[in-house]
Amino acid sequence: MRKDKDPLGDFLAYLAAEKGLSKNTLASYGRDLARFLKSLEARDASPLSFSHWHIVEYMDELRQKGLSAATLARNISSIRGFSGYQVFSGLRGDDPSRLLETPKLWQRLPKALPLEQIRKVLDKKEDGPARFRERDGAMIELMYSCGLRVSELTGLKTVDLNLDAGFVRVTGKGSKERVVPIGGRAVKRLKCYMSGSRETHLKRRGHSEFFFLTGRGAPMTRQRFWQALNFYASLAGIKLSPHMLRHSFATHMLEGGADLRSLQKMLGHSDISTTQVYTKVSMDRAKRVYTQHHPRA
């Protein structure tokens, strides 16, 4: 059996090349597994010879630190992937993670805002800094219109948008592409931004393939979008995160009569069970409305 000098590095390279995982996902795997390998070193175990009980002891350590069930489940998933890769690559004959059980998670329902609150945030565009109003308004409107993830939004390139036809090509998790329709209001704001402040921001660099730019003409970052969204949400007196915009899109689509399969494609979910969570959100909201307004509820 050959010994790799950098088993973690080889595994991450495999995930990037063969699975096409995003940089964020790879970084998450890397952090989880680096901590696990450090714990193995403290127990005089190697990355290629650890046992089932080494994993159990490590997970018990994490549990005693008070980490959530979701974090424990993510770590187990990372270790399973690492162990499975070793077996697949012939680095070891057994899979020590085979009998691990994932902690049962309470199903956390995504939080969606009522349409009135989304409108409040969008209307606050006029109160933002003049040089960024068009850009910020276009980004928030597009995210809600299409249910994009933050990384998908900030990674958009000019060639990905077809505003005349009203759709955007999105590169999601695992470098999978999907095409999502854009609403009329979003198209209008995108066109205003494209012919307005984007041209102004672009003068500093002359050219950029990315659609959303900072004031210096650099590609927009996730952190900068978070700041912008938080600014407008605060003006509206509302707590709002980028993921809540995505959840609001999905929930409002279902409440408007969209079918699950279409919604699954628009959100870029590989498994429809992920999309089905939103049916629970819609039912919970319907029950609250019923309880509040039915005379004999």
Foldseek 3Di string as FASTA:
>chain_A
DDDDPCLLVVLLVCCCPPQVFDPVVSVLLSVLVVVLQVLCVVVVHHLLGDALVSLVVVLVVVVVVVDDLVVSLSSLVSLQSSQVVCCVVVSDPDRRSVPDDRDDDDDDFAAADPPVLLVQLLVCLVVDDPLCSLLLSLLSLQCLQQLDDLCQSLQAFPVQDDLVVAWGWTQDGSRDIAITGGDPVSSVSLVCCQPPSLVQQCVLPVDDRTSRADSVRHGDDSVVSQVSSCVSSVVSVHDDGSNNSSLNSLLVCVVVPDDQVVSCRSNVPPDSVVSCSSVVVNVVVVVVVCVVPPPVD
